[in-house]
Amino acid sequence: MKKNLYEDWLVSASFDLKTIEYIVHDKTLTHLVAFHAQQCVEKCFKAVYAYNNTSIPKIHKLQTLYDNLAIQIDIDDTILIILDQLYIDARYPVDFGLLPYGKPSLEDARRFQVC
């Protein structure tokens, strides 16, 4: 029996979570925790679109994806904004996912892990 598309999105998100579990304690990888957290949230939002048989937007901006969901999920908008910023920055070696005060701390990384 073929899986539903939303299940594929959730399986993919689970891989990001598993990656976070392995790296969340390494202070040199906090920017990658943020990257995988952003990816996980994005994939979960897209799973909701798929579950509701709604066209899945080909965008990465979490706030936009969240705002257009058919259902509302209790989530901290501030984290969505931060993860969006870090997603872009963490992909390139020049910036290493900088927040206004620098690279994400271990505390930041652990906060991203629970979103």
N, C-alpha and C. Protein backbone atom coordinates (compact mmCIF):
# COMPACT_ATOMS: atom_id res chain seq x y z
N MET A 1 0.84 -1.18 0.00
CA MET A 1 0.00 0.00 0.00
C MET A 1 0.89 1.25 0.00
N LYS A 2 0.60 2.17 -0.88
CA LYS A 2 1.41 3.38 -0.98
C LYS A 2 1.15 4.30 0.21
N LYS A 3 2.25 4.81 0.74
CA LYS A 3 2.13 5.77 1.83
C LYS A 3 1.57 7.08 1.29
N ASN A 4 0.97 7.80 2.18
CA ASN A 4 0.50 9.14 1.83
C ASN A 4 1.68 10.09 1.82
N LEU A 5 1.57 11.13 1.02
CA LEU A 5 2.65 12.12 0.90
C LEU A 5 2.98 12.74 2.25
N TYR A 6 1.98 12.98 3.09
CA TYR A 6 2.26 13.59 4.39
C TYR A 6 3.16 12.70 5.24
N GLU A 7 3.02 11.38 5.08
CA GLU A 7 3.90 10.47 5.83
C GLU A 7 5.34 10.61 5.38
N ASP A 8 5.55 10.79 4.08
CA ASP A 8 6.90 10.99 3.56
C ASP A 8 7.53 12.25 4.15
N TRP A 9 6.72 13.32 4.25
CA TRP A 9 7.23 14.56 4.84
C TRP A 9 7.61 14.33 6.31
N LEU A 10 6.79 13.58 7.03
CA LEU A 10 7.08 13.35 8.44
C LEU A 10 8.29 12.44 8.64
N VAL A 11 8.46 11.46 7.78
CA VAL A 11 9.65 10.61 7.87
C VAL A 11 10.90 11.45 7.62
N SER A 12 10.84 12.30 6.63
CA SER A 12 11.97 13.17 6.34
C SER A 12 12.27 14.10 7.51
N ALA A 13 11.22 14.63 8.13
CA ALA A 13 11.40 15.48 9.32
C ALA A 13 12.04 14.70 10.46
N SER A 14 11.68 13.43 10.59
CA SER A 14 12.25 12.62 11.67
C SER A 14 13.75 12.44 11.49
N PHE A 15 14.23 12.44 10.25
CA PHE A 15 15.67 12.35 10.01
C PHE A 15 16.38 13.60 10.53
N ASP A 16 15.75 14.76 10.35
CA ASP A 16 16.32 15.99 10.89
C ASP A 16 16.36 15.94 12.41
N LEU A 17 15.30 15.43 13.01
CA LEU A 17 15.28 15.31 14.48
C LEU A 17 16.37 14.38 14.97
N LYS A 18 16.56 13.28 14.27
CA LYS A 18 17.59 12.32 14.67
C LYS A 18 18.98 12.97 14.57
N THR A 19 19.18 13.75 13.53
CA THR A 19 20.45 14.46 13.38
C THR A 19 20.66 15.43 14.53
N ILE A 20 19.61 16.15 14.90
CA ILE A 20 19.70 17.09 16.02
C ILE A 20 20.08 16.36 17.30
N GLU A 21 19.47 15.21 17.55
CA GLU A 21 19.79 14.44 18.75
C GLU A 21 21.27 14.11 18.84
N TYR A 22 21.90 13.83 17.71
CA TYR A 22 23.32 13.48 17.70
C TYR A 22 24.24 14.68 17.89
N ILE A 23 23.80 15.85 17.44
CA ILE A 23 24.75 16.98 17.42
C ILE A 23 24.43 18.10 18.41
N VAL A 24 23.31 18.02 19.11
CA VAL A 24 22.85 19.15 19.93
C VAL A 24 23.81 19.49 21.07
N HIS A 25 24.65 18.59 21.47
CA HIS A 25 25.57 18.84 22.60
C HIS A 25 26.94 19.36 22.16
N ASP A 26 27.15 19.49 20.88
CA ASP A 26 28.44 19.93 20.35
C ASP A 26 28.37 21.42 20.05
N LYS A 27 29.09 22.22 20.82
CA LYS A 27 29.01 23.68 20.66
C LYS A 27 29.52 24.17 19.31
N THR A 28 30.28 23.35 18.61
CA THR A 28 30.75 23.77 17.28
C THR A 28 29.69 23.55 16.20
N LEU A 29 28.61 22.85 16.53
CA LEU A 29 27.60 22.51 15.54
C LEU A 29 26.24 23.17 15.79
N THR A 30 26.21 24.18 16.63
CA THR A 30 24.92 24.79 16.98
C THR A 30 24.20 25.39 15.77
N HIS A 31 24.96 25.91 14.83
CA HIS A 31 24.33 26.46 13.63
C HIS A 31 23.67 25.35 12.80
N LEU A 32 24.22 24.15 12.86
CA LEU A 32 23.61 23.03 12.14
C LEU A 32 22.38 22.49 12.87
N VAL A 33 22.36 22.62 14.20
CA VAL A 33 21.14 22.28 14.94
C VAL A 33 20.02 23.20 14.46
N ALA A 34 20.33 24.49 14.34
CA ALA A 34 19.32 25.45 13.88
C ALA A 34 18.87 25.12 12.46
N PHE A 35 19.81 24.77 11.60
CA PHE A 35 19.46 24.42 10.23
C PHE A 35 18.51 23.22 10.20
N HIS A 36 18.83 22.16 10.94
CA HIS A 36 17.99 20.97 10.94
C HIS A 36 16.65 21.21 11.65
N ALA A 37 16.66 22.09 12.65
CA ALA A 37 15.39 22.44 13.31
C ALA A 37 14.48 23.15 12.32
N GLN A 38 15.05 24.07 11.54
CA GLN A 38 14.26 24.78 10.54
C GLN A 38 13.70 23.79 9.53
N GLN A 39 14.55 22.89 9.08
CA GLN A 39 14.12 21.90 8.10
C GLN A 39 13.01 21.00 8.66
N CYS A 40 13.15 20.60 9.91
CA CYS A 40 12.15 19.75 10.55
C CYS A 40 10.80 20.45 10.63
N VAL A 41 10.80 21.70 11.07
CA VAL A 41 9.55 22.45 11.18
C VAL A 41 8.94 22.66 9.80
N GLU A 42 9.78 23.02 8.84
CA GLU A 42 9.28 23.23 7.47
C GLU A 42 8.61 21.95 6.94
N LYS A 43 9.25 20.81 7.14
CA LYS A 43 8.70 19.54 6.65
C LYS A 43 7.41 19.17 7.38
N CYS A 44 7.35 19.46 8.66
CA CYS A 44 6.11 19.19 9.42
C CYS A 44 4.97 20.07 8.92
N PHE A 45 5.26 21.34 8.67
CA PHE A 45 4.23 22.22 8.12
C PHE A 45 3.76 21.69 6.77
N LYS A 46 4.70 21.26 5.93
CA LYS A 46 4.34 20.76 4.61
C LYS A 46 3.57 19.45 4.71
N ALA A 47 3.82 18.68 5.76
CA ALA A 47 3.03 17.47 6.01
C ALA A 47 1.57 17.83 6.27
N VAL A 48 1.35 18.93 6.99
CA VAL A 48 -0.02 19.38 7.26
C VAL A 48 -0.71 19.77 5.95
N TYR A 49 0.02 20.48 5.09
CA TYR A 49 -0.55 20.83 3.78
C TYR A 49 -0.93 19.55 3.03
N ALA A 50 -0.02 18.58 3.00
CA ALA A 50 -0.27 17.33 2.28
C ALA A 50 -1.45 16.57 2.89
N TYR A 51 -1.50 16.53 4.22
CA TYR A 51 -2.59 15.83 4.90
C TYR A 51 -3.95 16.43 4.53
N ASN A 52 -3.97 17.74 4.39
CA ASN A 52 -5.21 18.45 4.05
C ASN A 52 -5.44 18.54 2.55
N ASN A 53 -4.63 17.81 1.77
CA ASN A 53 -4.73 17.83 0.31
C ASN A 53 -4.68 19.24 -0.25
N THR A 54 -3.83 20.04 0.35
CA THR A 54 -3.62 21.42 -0.09
C THR A 54 -2.31 21.48 -0.86
N SER A 55 -2.26 22.30 -1.86
CA SER A 55 -1.03 22.48 -2.62
C SER A 55 0.10 22.90 -1.68
N ILE A 56 1.24 22.24 -1.80
CA ILE A 56 2.38 22.52 -0.92
C ILE A 56 3.21 23.64 -1.55
N PRO A 57 3.29 24.76 -0.86
CA PRO A 57 4.08 25.88 -1.40
C PRO A 57 5.56 25.50 -1.53
N LYS A 58 6.17 25.95 -2.59
CA LYS A 58 7.60 25.69 -2.81
C LYS A 58 8.40 26.85 -2.25
N ILE A 59 8.23 27.04 -0.95
CA ILE A 59 8.94 28.09 -0.23
C ILE A 59 9.51 27.47 1.04
N HIS A 60 10.43 28.20 1.66
CA HIS A 60 11.07 27.71 2.88
C HIS A 60 10.75 28.57 4.10
N LYS A 61 10.16 29.73 3.88
CA LYS A 61 9.92 30.68 4.97
C LYS A 61 8.86 30.13 5.92
N LEU A 62 9.29 29.82 7.13
CA LEU A 62 8.41 29.18 8.11
C LEU A 62 7.20 30.03 8.46
N GLN A 63 7.40 31.33 8.64
CA GLN A 63 6.28 32.18 9.04
C GLN A 63 5.18 32.17 7.98
N THR A 64 5.58 32.22 6.71
CA THR A 64 4.60 32.19 5.63
C THR A 64 3.89 30.84 5.57
N LEU A 65 4.66 29.77 5.69
CA LEU A 65 4.05 28.43 5.70
C LEU A 65 3.06 28.31 6.86
N TYR A 66 3.47 28.78 8.03
CA TYR A 66 2.62 28.70 9.22
C TYR A 66 1.35 29.53 9.06
N ASP A 67 1.50 30.74 8.57
CA ASP A 67 0.35 31.64 8.43
C ASP A 67 -0.71 31.08 7.48
N ASN A 68 -0.30 30.25 6.52
CA ASN A 68 -1.23 29.74 5.52
C ASN A 68 -1.70 28.31 5.79
N LEU A 69 -1.37 27.76 6.94
CA LEU A 69 -1.84 26.42 7.28
C LEU A 69 -3.36 26.42 7.45
N ALA A 70 -3.97 25.29 7.13
CA ALA A 70 -5.43 25.17 7.29
C ALA A 70 -5.82 25.08 8.76
N ILE A 71 -4.88 24.69 9.60
CA ILE A 71 -5.12 24.62 11.05
C ILE A 71 -4.05 25.45 11.74
N GLN A 72 -4.31 25.86 12.95
CA GLN A 72 -3.33 26.60 13.72
C GLN A 72 -2.66 25.68 14.73
N ILE A 73 -1.38 25.80 14.82
CA ILE A 73 -0.57 25.01 15.74
C ILE A 73 0.01 25.98 16.76
N ASP A 74 0.02 25.60 18.01
CA ASP A 74 0.57 26.46 19.05
C ASP A 74 2.09 26.42 18.97
N ILE A 75 2.67 27.49 18.43
CA ILE A 75 4.12 27.57 18.26
C ILE A 75 4.56 29.01 18.47
N ASP A 76 5.74 29.17 18.97
CA ASP A 76 6.31 30.49 19.23
C ASP A 76 6.77 31.12 17.91
N ASP A 77 6.09 32.19 17.48
CA ASP A 77 6.45 32.86 16.23
C ASP A 77 7.89 33.36 16.24
N THR A 78 8.38 33.73 17.41
CA THR A 78 9.76 34.23 17.52
C THR A 78 10.75 33.18 17.07
N ILE A 79 10.51 31.93 17.45
CA ILE A 79 11.41 30.85 17.04
C ILE A 79 11.35 30.67 15.53
N LEU A 80 10.18 30.81 14.95
CA LEU A 80 10.08 30.68 13.49
C LEU A 80 10.94 31.73 12.79
N ILE A 81 10.89 32.94 13.29
CA ILE A 81 11.68 34.04 12.71
C ILE A 81 13.17 33.75 12.85
N ILE A 82 13.58 33.35 14.04
CA ILE A 82 15.00 33.05 14.28
C ILE A 82 15.47 31.90 13.41
N LEU A 83 14.68 30.83 13.34
CA LEU A 83 15.07 29.68 12.53
C LEU A 83 15.17 30.04 11.06
N ASP A 84 14.27 30.89 10.58
CA ASP A 84 14.36 31.33 9.19
C ASP A 84 15.67 32.07 8.94
N GLN A 85 16.06 32.94 9.85
CA GLN A 85 17.32 33.68 9.69
C GLN A 85 18.50 32.72 9.69
N LEU A 86 18.49 31.79 10.62
CA LEU A 86 19.61 30.86 10.74
C LEU A 86 19.65 29.85 9.60
N TYR A 87 18.52 29.49 9.06
CA TYR A 87 18.47 28.55 7.94
C TYR A 87 19.30 29.06 6.77
N ILE A 88 19.10 30.32 6.46
CA ILE A 88 19.84 30.91 5.35
C ILE A 88 21.32 31.03 5.71
N ASP A 89 21.61 31.58 6.88
CA ASP A 89 23.00 31.81 7.27
C ASP A 89 23.78 30.52 7.51
N ALA A 90 23.13 29.49 8.03
CA ALA A 90 23.83 28.25 8.37
C ALA A 90 24.24 27.47 7.14
N ARG A 91 23.70 27.81 6.00
CA ARG A 91 24.01 27.07 4.79
C ARG A 91 25.33 27.49 4.16
N TYR A 92 25.86 28.61 4.57
CA TYR A 92 27.05 29.14 3.94
C TYR A 92 28.15 29.37 4.97
N PRO A 93 29.38 28.98 4.65
CA PRO A 93 30.45 29.03 5.64
C PRO A 93 30.88 30.41 6.09
N VAL A 94 30.54 31.44 5.38
CA VAL A 94 30.97 32.78 5.76
C VAL A 94 30.33 33.23 7.07
N ASP A 95 29.05 32.98 7.25
CA ASP A 95 28.34 33.51 8.40
C ASP A 95 28.14 32.50 9.53
N PHE A 96 28.12 31.23 9.23
CA PHE A 96 27.91 30.19 10.23
C PHE A 96 26.68 30.43 11.10
N GLY A 97 25.59 30.85 10.49
CA GLY A 97 24.32 30.97 11.21
C GLY A 97 24.34 31.97 12.33
N LEU A 98 24.66 33.18 12.04
CA LEU A 98 24.80 34.19 13.08
C LEU A 98 23.47 34.81 13.48
N LEU A 99 23.27 34.89 14.78
CA LEU A 99 22.18 35.68 15.35
C LEU A 99 22.73 37.09 15.53
N PRO A 100 21.90 38.05 15.91
CA PRO A 100 22.43 39.40 16.13
C PRO A 100 23.59 39.43 17.12
N TYR A 101 23.63 38.46 18.02
CA TYR A 101 24.70 38.43 19.02
C TYR A 101 25.76 37.38 18.71
N GLY A 102 25.73 36.80 17.54
CA GLY A 102 26.76 35.82 17.16
C GLY A 102 26.19 34.45 16.89
N LYS A 103 27.09 33.48 16.87
CA LYS A 103 26.72 32.09 16.60
C LYS A 103 25.77 31.58 17.69
N PRO A 104 24.80 30.74 17.34
CA PRO A 104 23.90 30.21 18.37
C PRO A 104 24.67 29.51 19.48
N SER A 105 24.23 29.71 20.70
CA SER A 105 24.85 29.05 21.85
C SER A 105 24.28 27.64 22.00
N LEU A 106 24.85 26.86 22.90
CA LEU A 106 24.28 25.54 23.20
C LEU A 106 22.87 25.68 23.74
N GLU A 107 22.62 26.73 24.53
CA GLU A 107 21.27 26.98 25.05
C GLU A 107 20.30 27.25 23.90
N ASP A 108 20.72 28.05 22.92
CA ASP A 108 19.89 28.29 21.74
C ASP A 108 19.59 26.97 21.03
N ALA A 109 20.63 26.18 20.82
CA ALA A 109 20.47 24.91 20.11
C ALA A 109 19.48 24.00 20.82
N ARG A 110 19.56 23.94 22.12
CA ARG A 110 18.63 23.09 22.88
C ARG A 110 17.21 23.64 22.79
N ARG A 111 17.08 24.96 22.72
CA ARG A 111 15.75 25.58 22.57
C ARG A 111 15.16 25.23 21.21
N PHE A 112 16.00 25.22 20.17
CA PHE A 112 15.53 24.85 18.84
C PHE A 112 15.11 23.39 18.80
N GLN A 113 15.78 22.57 19.57
CA GLN A 113 15.50 21.14 19.59
C GLN A 113 14.08 20.85 20.05
N VAL A 114 13.55 21.66 20.95
CA VAL A 114 12.23 21.38 21.51
C VAL A 114 11.10 22.07 20.76
N CYS A 115 11.43 22.90 19.76
CA CYS A 115 10.35 23.56 19.01
C CYS A 115 9.71 22.55 18.14
